[in-house]
């Protein structure tokens, strides 16, 4: 009996592992780069539908010190709205041609992830 119980437990474990892998592959996220130019020394953040529009959670980095700020975010497939917060001022992405109007009467930039 104990052997049969062990076999059943192993089969259940395998089924759970397969199910978990299937869910993980469906929810797989893709690394997406965001970039914006701002005055050197600025504080630049990325806010969007993917982080609750938090204006301070994702700081962008200007590695070269030349005003080219970048950030990478892992996003699921679909449409994601976002803005940059540059020295406290919310800005749509000037390089993005896909925008939607938001509830505040301004524009949000849109990034599509496949």
N, C-alpha and C. Protein backbone atom coordinates (compact mmCIF):
# COMPACT_ATOMS: atom_id res chain seq x y z
N UNK A 1 0.81 -1.19 0.00
CA UNK A 1 0.00 0.00 0.00
C UNK A 1 0.86 1.26 0.00
N UNK A 2 1.92 1.25 0.79
CA UNK A 2 2.75 2.42 0.87
C UNK A 2 3.37 2.75 -0.48
N UNK A 3 3.73 1.73 -1.25
CA UNK A 3 4.32 1.93 -2.57
C UNK A 3 3.32 2.60 -3.50
N UNK A 4 2.08 2.14 -3.46
CA UNK A 4 1.04 2.73 -4.31
C UNK A 4 0.80 4.20 -3.93
N UNK A 5 0.81 4.49 -2.64
CA UNK A 5 0.61 5.86 -2.16
C UNK A 5 1.77 6.75 -2.64
N UNK A 6 2.99 6.21 -2.61
CA UNK A 6 4.15 6.98 -3.08
C UNK A 6 4.05 7.25 -4.57
N UNK A 7 3.62 6.24 -5.35
CA UNK A 7 3.46 6.41 -6.79
C UNK A 7 2.41 7.47 -7.09
N UNK A 8 1.31 7.43 -6.37
CA UNK A 8 0.25 8.42 -6.56
C UNK A 8 0.76 9.81 -6.22
N UNK A 9 1.51 9.92 -5.14
CA UNK A 9 2.07 11.21 -4.74
C UNK A 9 3.04 11.75 -5.79
N UNK A 10 3.86 10.85 -6.36
CA UNK A 10 4.79 11.26 -7.42
C UNK A 10 4.03 11.74 -8.65
N UNK A 11 2.99 11.00 -9.04
CA UNK A 11 2.19 11.40 -10.20
C UNK A 11 1.54 12.75 -9.97
N UNK A 12 1.01 12.96 -8.77
CA UNK A 12 0.39 14.25 -8.44
C UNK A 12 1.42 15.38 -8.51
N UNK A 13 2.62 15.10 -8.02
CA UNK A 13 3.69 16.11 -8.05
C UNK A 13 4.06 16.46 -9.49
N UNK A 14 4.14 15.44 -10.34
CA UNK A 14 4.46 15.68 -11.75
C UNK A 14 3.36 16.50 -12.41
N UNK A 15 2.10 16.15 -12.14
CA UNK A 15 0.97 16.90 -12.71
C UNK A 15 1.01 18.36 -12.29
N UNK A 16 1.30 18.61 -11.01
CA UNK A 16 1.38 19.98 -10.50
C UNK A 16 2.52 20.74 -11.17
N UNK A 17 3.66 20.08 -11.34
CA UNK A 17 4.81 20.73 -11.98
C UNK A 17 4.51 21.09 -13.42
N UNK A 18 3.85 20.18 -14.14
CA UNK A 18 3.48 20.45 -15.54
C UNK A 18 2.49 21.60 -15.60
N UNK A 19 1.50 21.59 -14.72
CA UNK A 19 0.51 22.67 -14.69
C UNK A 19 1.17 24.00 -14.38
N UNK A 20 2.10 24.01 -13.44
CA UNK A 20 2.81 25.23 -13.05
C UNK A 20 3.63 25.77 -14.22
N UNK A 21 4.31 24.88 -14.95
CA UNK A 21 5.09 25.29 -16.12
C UNK A 21 4.20 25.88 -17.19
N UNK A 22 3.03 25.27 -17.41
CA UNK A 22 2.10 25.77 -18.41
C UNK A 22 1.63 27.17 -18.05
N UNK A 23 1.27 27.39 -16.79
CA UNK A 23 0.84 28.71 -16.34
C UNK A 23 1.98 29.71 -16.48
N UNK A 24 3.19 29.31 -16.12
CA UNK A 24 4.34 30.21 -16.21
C UNK A 24 4.60 30.61 -17.65
N UNK A 25 4.45 29.68 -18.59
CA UNK A 25 4.71 30.02 -19.98
C UNK A 25 3.64 30.96 -20.53
N UNK A 26 2.41 30.83 -20.04
CA UNK A 26 1.33 31.73 -20.46
C UNK A 26 1.58 33.13 -19.91
N UNK A 27 2.07 33.21 -18.68
CA UNK A 27 2.29 34.49 -18.03
C UNK A 27 3.68 35.05 -18.27
N UNK A 28 4.44 34.46 -19.15
CA UNK A 28 5.81 34.89 -19.40
C UNK A 28 5.85 36.36 -19.78
N UNK A 29 6.78 37.06 -19.19
CA UNK A 29 6.90 38.50 -19.44
C UNK A 29 8.10 38.76 -20.34
N UNK A 30 8.06 39.90 -20.98
CA UNK A 30 9.10 40.29 -21.92
C UNK A 30 9.78 41.56 -21.39
N UNK A 31 11.10 41.58 -21.51
CA UNK A 31 11.86 42.77 -21.08
C UNK A 31 11.68 43.87 -22.12
N UNK A 32 11.22 45.02 -21.66
CA UNK A 32 10.92 46.14 -22.55
C UNK A 32 11.73 47.35 -22.09
N UNK A 33 12.40 48.00 -23.03
CA UNK A 33 13.21 49.18 -22.72
C UNK A 33 12.42 50.45 -22.96
N UNK A 34 12.58 51.40 -22.06
CA UNK A 34 11.99 52.74 -22.18
C UNK A 34 13.13 53.73 -22.16
N UNK A 35 13.04 54.77 -22.97
CA UNK A 35 14.11 55.76 -23.02
C UNK A 35 13.52 57.15 -23.24
N UNK A 36 14.16 58.14 -22.64
CA UNK A 36 13.75 59.54 -22.83
C UNK A 36 14.97 60.43 -22.61
N UNK A 37 14.97 61.54 -23.30
CA UNK A 37 16.04 62.52 -23.11
C UNK A 37 15.53 63.60 -22.17
N UNK A 38 16.39 63.99 -21.23
CA UNK A 38 16.07 65.05 -20.28
C UNK A 38 17.36 65.77 -19.92
N UNK A 39 17.21 66.89 -19.25
CA UNK A 39 18.38 67.68 -18.85
C UNK A 39 19.28 66.83 -17.95
N UNK A 40 20.56 66.88 -18.18
CA UNK A 40 21.52 66.15 -17.36
C UNK A 40 21.30 66.49 -15.90
N UNK A 41 21.36 65.47 -15.05
CA UNK A 41 21.17 65.69 -13.63
C UNK A 41 19.71 65.66 -13.19
N UNK A 42 18.80 65.46 -14.11
CA UNK A 42 17.38 65.39 -13.77
C UNK A 42 17.07 64.11 -13.00
N UNK A 43 15.96 64.11 -12.29
CA UNK A 43 15.43 62.89 -11.68
C UNK A 43 14.29 62.45 -12.58
N UNK A 44 14.42 61.27 -13.16
CA UNK A 44 13.44 60.78 -14.14
C UNK A 44 12.93 59.42 -13.69
N UNK A 45 11.61 59.29 -13.72
CA UNK A 45 10.95 58.05 -13.32
C UNK A 45 10.00 57.60 -14.42
N UNK A 46 9.69 56.33 -14.43
CA UNK A 46 8.74 55.73 -15.35
C UNK A 46 7.52 55.30 -14.55
N UNK A 47 6.35 55.79 -14.94
CA UNK A 47 5.11 55.42 -14.27
C UNK A 47 4.13 54.92 -15.33
N UNK A 48 3.34 53.91 -14.97
CA UNK A 48 2.40 53.40 -15.95
C UNK A 48 1.40 52.43 -15.36
N UNK A 49 0.59 51.91 -16.24
CA UNK A 49 -0.44 50.95 -15.85
C UNK A 49 0.19 49.69 -15.25
N UNK A 50 1.44 49.43 -15.54
CA UNK A 50 2.15 48.24 -15.06
C UNK A 50 2.71 48.39 -13.65
N UNK A 51 2.72 49.61 -13.10
CA UNK A 51 3.22 49.79 -11.73
C UNK A 51 2.29 50.68 -10.89
N UNK A 52 1.01 50.67 -11.24
CA UNK A 52 0.03 51.43 -10.47
C UNK A 52 0.18 52.94 -10.60
N UNK A 53 0.84 53.37 -11.65
CA UNK A 53 1.08 54.81 -11.90
C UNK A 53 1.86 55.46 -10.76
N UNK A 54 2.70 54.68 -10.12
CA UNK A 54 3.52 55.20 -9.03
C UNK A 54 4.64 56.05 -9.61
N UNK A 55 4.69 57.35 -9.27
CA UNK A 55 5.67 58.25 -9.89
C UNK A 55 7.09 58.16 -9.32
N UNK A 56 7.33 57.26 -8.38
CA UNK A 56 8.68 57.17 -7.81
C UNK A 56 9.21 55.75 -7.68
N UNK A 57 8.48 54.76 -8.19
CA UNK A 57 8.90 53.37 -7.98
C UNK A 57 9.97 52.93 -8.98
N UNK A 58 9.96 53.45 -10.20
CA UNK A 58 10.92 52.99 -11.22
C UNK A 58 11.76 54.17 -11.71
N UNK A 59 12.90 54.35 -11.07
CA UNK A 59 13.78 55.45 -11.47
C UNK A 59 14.55 55.05 -12.72
N UNK A 60 14.66 55.99 -13.66
CA UNK A 60 15.40 55.75 -14.89
C UNK A 60 16.84 56.21 -14.68
N UNK A 61 17.75 55.61 -15.42
CA UNK A 61 19.18 55.84 -15.22
C UNK A 61 19.80 56.52 -16.44
N UNK A 62 20.66 57.48 -16.16
CA UNK A 62 21.44 58.17 -17.18
C UNK A 62 22.90 57.74 -16.99
N UNK A 63 23.24 56.54 -17.48
CA UNK A 63 24.56 55.95 -17.23
C UNK A 63 25.71 56.81 -17.74
N UNK A 64 25.55 57.39 -18.92
CA UNK A 64 26.63 58.16 -19.52
C UNK A 64 26.66 59.61 -19.04
N UNK A 65 25.63 60.04 -18.32
CA UNK A 65 25.57 61.42 -17.85
C UNK A 65 25.32 62.42 -18.96
N UNK A 66 24.72 61.95 -20.06
CA UNK A 66 24.48 62.83 -21.21
C UNK A 66 23.00 63.17 -21.43
N UNK A 67 22.14 62.84 -20.45
CA UNK A 67 20.72 63.15 -20.57
C UNK A 67 19.89 62.08 -21.24
N UNK A 68 20.48 60.92 -21.53
CA UNK A 68 19.74 59.80 -22.13
C UNK A 68 19.37 58.83 -21.01
N UNK A 69 18.13 58.91 -20.55
CA UNK A 69 17.65 58.11 -19.43
C UNK A 69 16.99 56.83 -19.95
N UNK A 70 17.29 55.71 -19.31
CA UNK A 70 16.71 54.43 -19.73
C UNK A 70 16.25 53.63 -18.51
N UNK A 71 15.27 52.76 -18.77
CA UNK A 71 14.79 51.82 -17.76
C UNK A 71 14.26 50.60 -18.48
N UNK A 72 14.43 49.45 -17.89
CA UNK A 72 13.90 48.20 -18.42
C UNK A 72 12.85 47.67 -17.46
N UNK A 73 11.74 47.18 -18.04
CA UNK A 73 10.65 46.65 -17.24
C UNK A 73 10.19 45.34 -17.88
N UNK A 74 9.89 44.34 -17.07
CA UNK A 74 9.33 43.08 -17.57
C UNK A 74 7.82 43.23 -17.66
N UNK A 75 7.29 43.13 -18.87
CA UNK A 75 5.86 43.34 -19.10
C UNK A 75 5.22 42.11 -19.73
N UNK A 76 3.99 41.87 -19.35
CA UNK A 76 3.21 40.80 -19.97
C UNK A 76 2.69 41.29 -21.32
N UNK A 77 2.22 40.37 -22.12
CA UNK A 77 1.68 40.73 -23.44
C UNK A 77 0.46 41.63 -23.26
N UNK A 78 0.32 42.56 -24.19
CA UNK A 78 -0.85 43.44 -24.16
C UNK A 78 -0.46 44.90 -24.30
N UNK A 79 -1.43 45.75 -24.01
CA UNK A 79 -1.25 47.20 -24.13
C UNK A 79 -0.92 47.79 -22.75
N UNK A 80 0.09 48.63 -22.71
CA UNK A 80 0.51 49.26 -21.46
C UNK A 80 0.61 50.77 -21.67
N UNK A 81 -0.06 51.53 -20.82
CA UNK A 81 0.02 52.98 -20.87
C UNK A 81 1.11 53.44 -19.91
N UNK A 82 1.77 54.54 -20.26
CA UNK A 82 2.86 55.03 -19.41
C UNK A 82 3.12 56.51 -19.64
N UNK A 83 3.85 57.09 -18.70
CA UNK A 83 4.37 58.46 -18.81
C UNK A 83 5.72 58.51 -18.10
N UNK A 84 6.48 59.52 -18.43
CA UNK A 84 7.73 59.80 -17.72
C UNK A 84 7.43 60.90 -16.71
N UNK A 85 8.09 60.84 -15.55
CA UNK A 85 7.98 61.90 -14.55
C UNK A 85 9.37 62.51 -14.44
N UNK A 86 9.53 63.68 -15.04
CA UNK A 86 10.84 64.34 -15.11
C UNK A 86 10.84 65.51 -14.14
N UNK A 87 11.66 65.41 -13.11
CA UNK A 87 11.73 66.43 -12.06
C UNK A 87 10.33 66.81 -11.58
N UNK A 88 9.49 65.79 -11.36
CA UNK A 88 8.16 65.99 -10.82
C UNK A 88 7.08 66.33 -11.84
N UNK A 89 7.45 66.48 -13.10
CA UNK A 89 6.48 66.85 -14.15
C UNK A 89 6.17 65.62 -14.99
N UNK A 90 4.86 65.30 -15.11
CA UNK A 90 4.41 64.15 -15.89
C UNK A 90 4.47 64.50 -17.37
N UNK A 91 5.12 63.64 -18.17
CA UNK A 91 5.32 63.90 -19.59
C UNK A 91 5.01 62.65 -20.42
N UNK A 92 4.26 62.83 -21.50
CA UNK A 92 4.09 61.74 -22.46
C UNK A 92 5.41 61.55 -23.18
N UNK A 93 5.62 60.39 -23.74
CA UNK A 93 6.84 60.06 -24.46
C UNK A 93 6.83 60.78 -25.81
N UNK A 94 7.74 61.73 -26.03
CA UNK A 94 7.74 62.48 -27.29
C UNK A 94 8.11 61.62 -28.51
N UNK A 95 8.71 60.47 -28.29
CA UNK A 95 9.10 59.58 -29.38
C UNK A 95 8.05 58.52 -29.70
N UNK A 96 6.98 58.48 -28.91
CA UNK A 96 5.94 57.47 -29.09
C UNK A 96 4.79 58.03 -29.91
N UNK A 97 4.41 57.32 -30.95
CA UNK A 97 3.32 57.79 -31.82
C UNK A 97 1.95 57.24 -31.39
N UNK A 98 1.92 56.33 -30.42
CA UNK A 98 0.67 55.77 -29.93
C UNK A 98 0.32 56.39 -28.58
N UNK A 99 -0.73 57.18 -28.57
CA UNK A 99 -1.17 57.85 -27.35
C UNK A 99 -2.66 57.64 -27.16
N UNK A 100 -3.11 57.69 -25.92
CA UNK A 100 -4.54 57.66 -25.60
C UNK A 100 -4.82 58.76 -24.58
N UNK A 101 -6.02 59.30 -24.64
CA UNK A 101 -6.41 60.32 -23.67
C UNK A 101 -6.74 59.63 -22.35
N UNK A 102 -6.35 60.28 -21.25
CA UNK A 102 -6.63 59.71 -19.93
C UNK A 102 -7.76 60.49 -19.24
N UNK A 103 -8.10 60.09 -18.04
CA UNK A 103 -9.19 60.73 -17.29
C UNK A 103 -8.87 62.16 -16.85
N UNK A 104 -7.62 62.57 -16.97
CA UNK A 104 -7.21 63.91 -16.56
C UNK A 104 -7.21 64.89 -17.74
N UNK A 105 -7.59 64.40 -18.92
CA UNK A 105 -7.61 65.25 -20.11
C UNK A 105 -6.27 65.42 -20.77
N UNK A 106 -5.28 64.62 -20.36
CA UNK A 106 -3.97 64.68 -20.99
C UNK A 106 -3.75 63.34 -21.72
N UNK A 107 -2.57 63.17 -22.27
CA UNK A 107 -2.28 61.96 -23.04
C UNK A 107 -1.34 61.02 -22.30
N UNK A 108 -1.60 59.73 -22.48
CA UNK A 108 -0.69 58.68 -22.01
C UNK A 108 -0.07 58.04 -23.24
N UNK A 109 1.20 57.74 -23.18
CA UNK A 109 1.86 56.99 -24.24
C UNK A 109 1.47 55.53 -24.10
N UNK A 110 1.52 54.79 -25.21
CA UNK A 110 1.11 53.39 -25.22
C UNK A 110 2.23 52.53 -25.79
N UNK A 111 2.51 51.44 -25.09
CA UNK A 111 3.49 50.45 -25.56
C UNK A 111 2.76 49.12 -25.70
N UNK A 112 2.87 48.51 -26.87
CA UNK A 112 2.26 47.20 -27.12
C UNK A 112 3.32 46.12 -27.01
N UNK A 113 3.04 45.08 -26.26
CA UNK A 113 3.97 43.97 -26.07
C UNK A 113 3.32 42.71 -26.63
N UNK A 114 4.05 42.02 -27.49
CA UNK A 114 3.53 40.77 -28.08
C UNK A 114 3.92 39.57 -27.25
